[in-house]
Protein backbone atom coordinates (compact mmCIF):
# COMPACT_ATOMS: atom_id res chain seq x y z
CA MET A 1 -53.44 -46.06 25.72
CA HIS A 2 -55.06 -44.25 22.80
CA PHE A 3 -57.02 -41.03 22.96
CA LEU A 4 -59.52 -39.93 20.38
CA PRO A 5 -59.25 -36.40 19.02
CA ASP A 6 -61.47 -33.71 20.50
CA ILE A 7 -64.91 -33.43 18.97
CA PHE A 8 -67.12 -30.39 18.95
CA VAL A 9 -70.89 -30.68 19.16
CA PRO A 10 -72.94 -27.67 18.05
CA CYS A 11 -75.05 -26.10 20.78
CA GLU A 12 -78.68 -27.20 20.60
CA VAL A 13 -79.90 -23.70 21.44
CA CYS A 14 -77.84 -21.53 19.04
CA LYS A 15 -77.12 -24.29 16.47
CA GLY A 16 -73.41 -23.42 16.48
CA ALA A 17 -73.90 -19.68 15.91
CA ARG A 18 -72.27 -19.04 19.34
CA TYR A 19 -74.56 -16.09 20.15
CA ASN A 20 -78.05 -15.66 21.55
CA ARG A 21 -81.02 -14.62 19.42
CA GLU A 22 -80.86 -10.96 20.48
CA THR A 23 -77.21 -10.65 19.53
CA LEU A 24 -77.82 -12.31 16.16
CA GLU A 25 -80.53 -9.73 15.39
CA VAL A 26 -77.88 -6.98 15.28
CA ARG A 27 -76.69 -6.54 11.71
CA TYR A 28 -74.08 -4.56 9.82
CA LYS A 29 -74.60 -4.30 6.06
CA GLY A 30 -77.10 -7.15 6.34
CA LYS A 31 -74.77 -9.56 8.20
CA ASN A 32 -74.90 -10.65 11.83
CA ILE A 33 -71.83 -11.53 13.92
CA ALA A 34 -72.08 -15.27 13.16
CA GLN A 35 -72.11 -14.55 9.42
CA VAL A 36 -69.16 -12.17 9.75
CA LEU A 37 -67.14 -14.73 11.72
CA ASP A 38 -67.85 -17.28 8.98
CA MET A 39 -66.11 -15.02 6.42
CA THR A 40 -62.53 -15.55 5.36
CA VAL A 41 -60.08 -12.77 6.16
CA GLU A 42 -60.05 -11.86 2.46
CA GLU A 43 -63.86 -11.65 2.30
CA ALA A 44 -63.94 -9.59 5.49
CA ALA A 45 -61.31 -7.16 4.17
CA GLU A 46 -63.62 -6.43 1.24
CA PHE A 47 -66.74 -6.33 3.45
CA PHE A 48 -65.16 -3.81 5.85
CA SER A 49 -63.30 -1.82 3.17
CA ALA A 50 -65.12 1.39 4.18
CA LEU A 51 -63.74 1.12 7.73
CA PRO A 52 -59.98 1.80 7.51
CA ARG A 53 -59.12 0.76 11.09
CA ILE A 54 -60.60 -2.68 10.48
CA SER A 55 -59.72 -3.16 6.82
CA LYS A 56 -56.04 -2.25 7.40
CA LYS A 57 -55.63 -5.02 9.99
CA LEU A 58 -57.45 -7.51 7.77
CA GLN A 59 -55.29 -6.50 4.79
CA THR A 60 -52.18 -7.11 6.90
CA LEU A 61 -53.40 -10.67 7.55
CA CYS A 62 -53.94 -11.08 3.80
CA ASP A 63 -50.45 -9.72 3.12
CA VAL A 64 -48.86 -12.47 5.22
CA GLY A 65 -50.83 -15.16 3.37
CA LEU A 66 -53.73 -15.70 5.77
CA GLY A 67 -56.58 -14.53 3.53
CA TYR A 68 -58.11 -18.02 3.51
CA VAL A 69 -58.49 -18.28 7.32
CA LYS A 70 -62.02 -17.75 8.68
CA LEU A 71 -62.40 -14.91 11.17
CA GLY A 72 -64.06 -17.21 13.70
CA GLN A 73 -61.52 -20.02 13.38
CA SER A 74 -60.17 -21.17 16.71
CA SER A 75 -56.51 -20.35 17.29
CA THR A 76 -55.96 -23.96 18.38
CA GLU A 77 -56.74 -25.04 14.80
CA LEU A 78 -53.95 -22.92 13.29
CA SER A 79 -50.72 -24.59 12.20
CA GLY A 80 -47.44 -23.40 13.69
CA GLY A 81 -46.66 -21.44 10.52
CA GLU A 82 -50.11 -19.82 10.54
CA ALA A 83 -49.76 -18.86 14.20
CA GLN A 84 -46.37 -17.25 13.47
CA ARG A 85 -47.91 -15.27 10.62
CA VAL A 86 -50.72 -14.05 12.90
CA LYS A 87 -48.02 -12.79 15.29
CA LEU A 88 -46.15 -11.23 12.36
CA ALA A 89 -49.33 -9.47 11.19
CA THR A 90 -49.85 -8.18 14.74
CA GLU A 91 -46.32 -6.75 14.73
CA LEU A 92 -46.80 -5.23 11.28
CA SER A 93 -49.92 -3.40 12.41
CA LYS A 94 -47.95 -1.64 15.18
CA VAL A 95 -45.95 1.54 14.73
CA ALA A 96 -42.58 0.50 13.27
CA THR A 97 -39.36 1.42 15.08
CA GLY A 98 -36.91 0.00 12.55
CA ARG A 99 -34.94 -1.63 15.37
CA THR A 100 -36.69 -4.97 15.77
CA ILE A 101 -35.31 -8.47 15.26
CA TYR A 102 -37.90 -10.88 13.87
CA ILE A 103 -37.15 -14.61 14.22
CA LEU A 104 -39.37 -16.92 12.18
CA ASP A 105 -39.25 -20.72 12.20
CA GLU A 106 -40.41 -22.14 8.85
CA PRO A 107 -43.11 -19.51 8.23
CA THR A 108 -43.89 -20.94 4.77
CA THR A 109 -45.12 -24.30 6.07
CA GLY A 110 -48.33 -25.14 4.24
CA LEU A 111 -48.28 -22.01 2.07
CA HIS A 112 -49.14 -21.90 -1.62
CA SER A 113 -46.33 -20.47 -3.77
CA GLU A 114 -48.30 -17.24 -4.30
CA ASP A 115 -48.63 -16.79 -0.53
CA VAL A 116 -44.88 -17.45 -0.15
CA ARG A 117 -44.26 -14.63 -2.64
CA ARG A 118 -46.52 -12.30 -0.66
CA LEU A 119 -44.81 -13.24 2.60
CA LEU A 120 -41.41 -12.49 1.04
CA GLU A 121 -42.66 -9.02 0.08
CA VAL A 122 -43.71 -8.40 3.69
CA LEU A 123 -40.35 -9.61 5.03
CA GLN A 124 -38.52 -7.40 2.52
CA LYS A 125 -40.51 -4.38 3.73
CA LEU A 126 -39.41 -5.16 7.28
CA VAL A 127 -35.77 -5.24 6.19
CA GLU A 128 -36.15 -2.03 4.18
CA GLY A 129 -37.58 -0.45 7.34
CA GLY A 130 -34.30 -1.08 9.15
CA ASN A 131 -35.33 -4.28 10.94
CA THR A 132 -33.49 -7.59 11.03
CA VAL A 133 -35.29 -10.74 9.90
CA LEU A 134 -33.85 -14.15 10.77
CA VAL A 135 -35.66 -17.05 9.11
CA ILE A 136 -35.13 -20.76 9.75
CA GLU A 137 -36.36 -22.27 6.51
CA HIS A 138 -36.08 -25.15 4.04
CA ASN A 139 -38.07 -23.49 1.25
CA LEU A 140 -35.63 -22.67 -1.56
CA ASP A 141 -37.82 -19.79 -2.78
CA VAL A 142 -37.14 -18.10 0.56
CA ILE A 143 -33.50 -19.19 0.81
CA LYS A 144 -32.59 -17.74 -2.60
CA CYS A 145 -33.91 -14.30 -1.50
CA ALA A 146 -31.83 -14.10 1.67
CA ASP A 147 -29.08 -11.53 2.11
CA TYR A 148 -26.97 -14.02 4.07
CA LEU A 149 -27.22 -17.76 4.73
CA ILE A 150 -25.91 -20.07 7.43
CA ASP A 151 -26.19 -23.63 6.12
CA LEU A 152 -26.28 -26.19 8.93
CA GLY A 153 -25.72 -29.88 8.35
CA PRO A 154 -24.43 -31.84 6.70
CA GLU A 155 -27.41 -34.06 7.61
CA GLY A 156 -30.43 -33.58 9.83
CA GLY A 157 -30.84 -34.70 13.45
CA ASP A 158 -27.77 -36.39 14.97
CA GLY A 159 -25.89 -36.03 11.67
CA GLY A 160 -26.30 -32.26 11.61
CA GLY A 161 -25.63 -29.18 13.64
CA ALA A 162 -22.33 -28.18 12.08
CA ILE A 163 -21.91 -25.05 9.99
CA VAL A 164 -21.36 -26.34 6.45
CA CYS A 165 -20.94 -22.90 4.86
CA THR A 166 -22.05 -19.30 5.12
CA GLY A 167 -22.50 -16.43 2.72
CA THR A 168 -24.78 -15.10 0.04
CA PRO A 169 -27.05 -17.54 -1.82
CA GLU A 170 -24.51 -17.54 -4.67
CA GLU A 171 -21.64 -18.38 -2.29
CA VAL A 172 -23.59 -21.22 -0.68
CA ALA A 173 -24.56 -22.53 -4.15
CA ALA A 174 -20.85 -22.67 -5.03
CA CYS A 175 -19.99 -24.73 -1.91
CA PRO A 176 -19.63 -28.41 -2.95
CA GLU A 177 -20.17 -29.66 0.65
CA SER A 178 -23.57 -27.98 0.91
CA TYR A 179 -26.62 -30.10 0.08
CA THR A 180 -28.66 -26.89 0.18
CA GLY A 181 -26.19 -25.30 -2.22
CA GLN A 182 -26.60 -28.13 -4.73
CA TYR A 183 -30.35 -27.49 -4.96
CA LEU A 184 -29.98 -23.72 -4.69
CA LYS A 185 -27.60 -23.67 -7.67
CA LYS A 186 -30.45 -24.90 -9.90
CA MET A 187 -32.66 -21.97 -8.85
CA LEU A 188 -30.20 -19.13 -9.29
CA PRO A 189 -29.65 -17.30 -12.59
């Protein structure tokens, strides 16, 4: 049995604006709510720059590499990595305690290399704030920045699950049994 993907049909009354006429007449700096929700996070951060409580939260979303997401985008359309970064941005906007463990599962999935760099800066700030960040990741740009690695393998699936080696990126790169180490060695100075 095959199912077709969900389809969305714009409302005949509001033409997909999602609000009634009266609501759409309300404007801020010339934009109504439908126009604001059609902005990317990055555009909205600029648009609301004079409102610190709003712009700070939007900037946090930009900092974790979500500047391209539209404000009105449904959460069901986010990838797993994007959803994790929304949660991370939510945590980052709270008052920091310096005693939190953050566990992220492949947060760089689908990210451009510039966004990976920005995400690494955010994760480093968490560590510098006294928090612990545990990342499950295949991206070598992230792996080479880790303080400590646990390389599982030697293969994936049924052929994996054993600890191949542990240590700093340099120690894992020096381990001949580590497939990760073989690729990591090429990226280290």
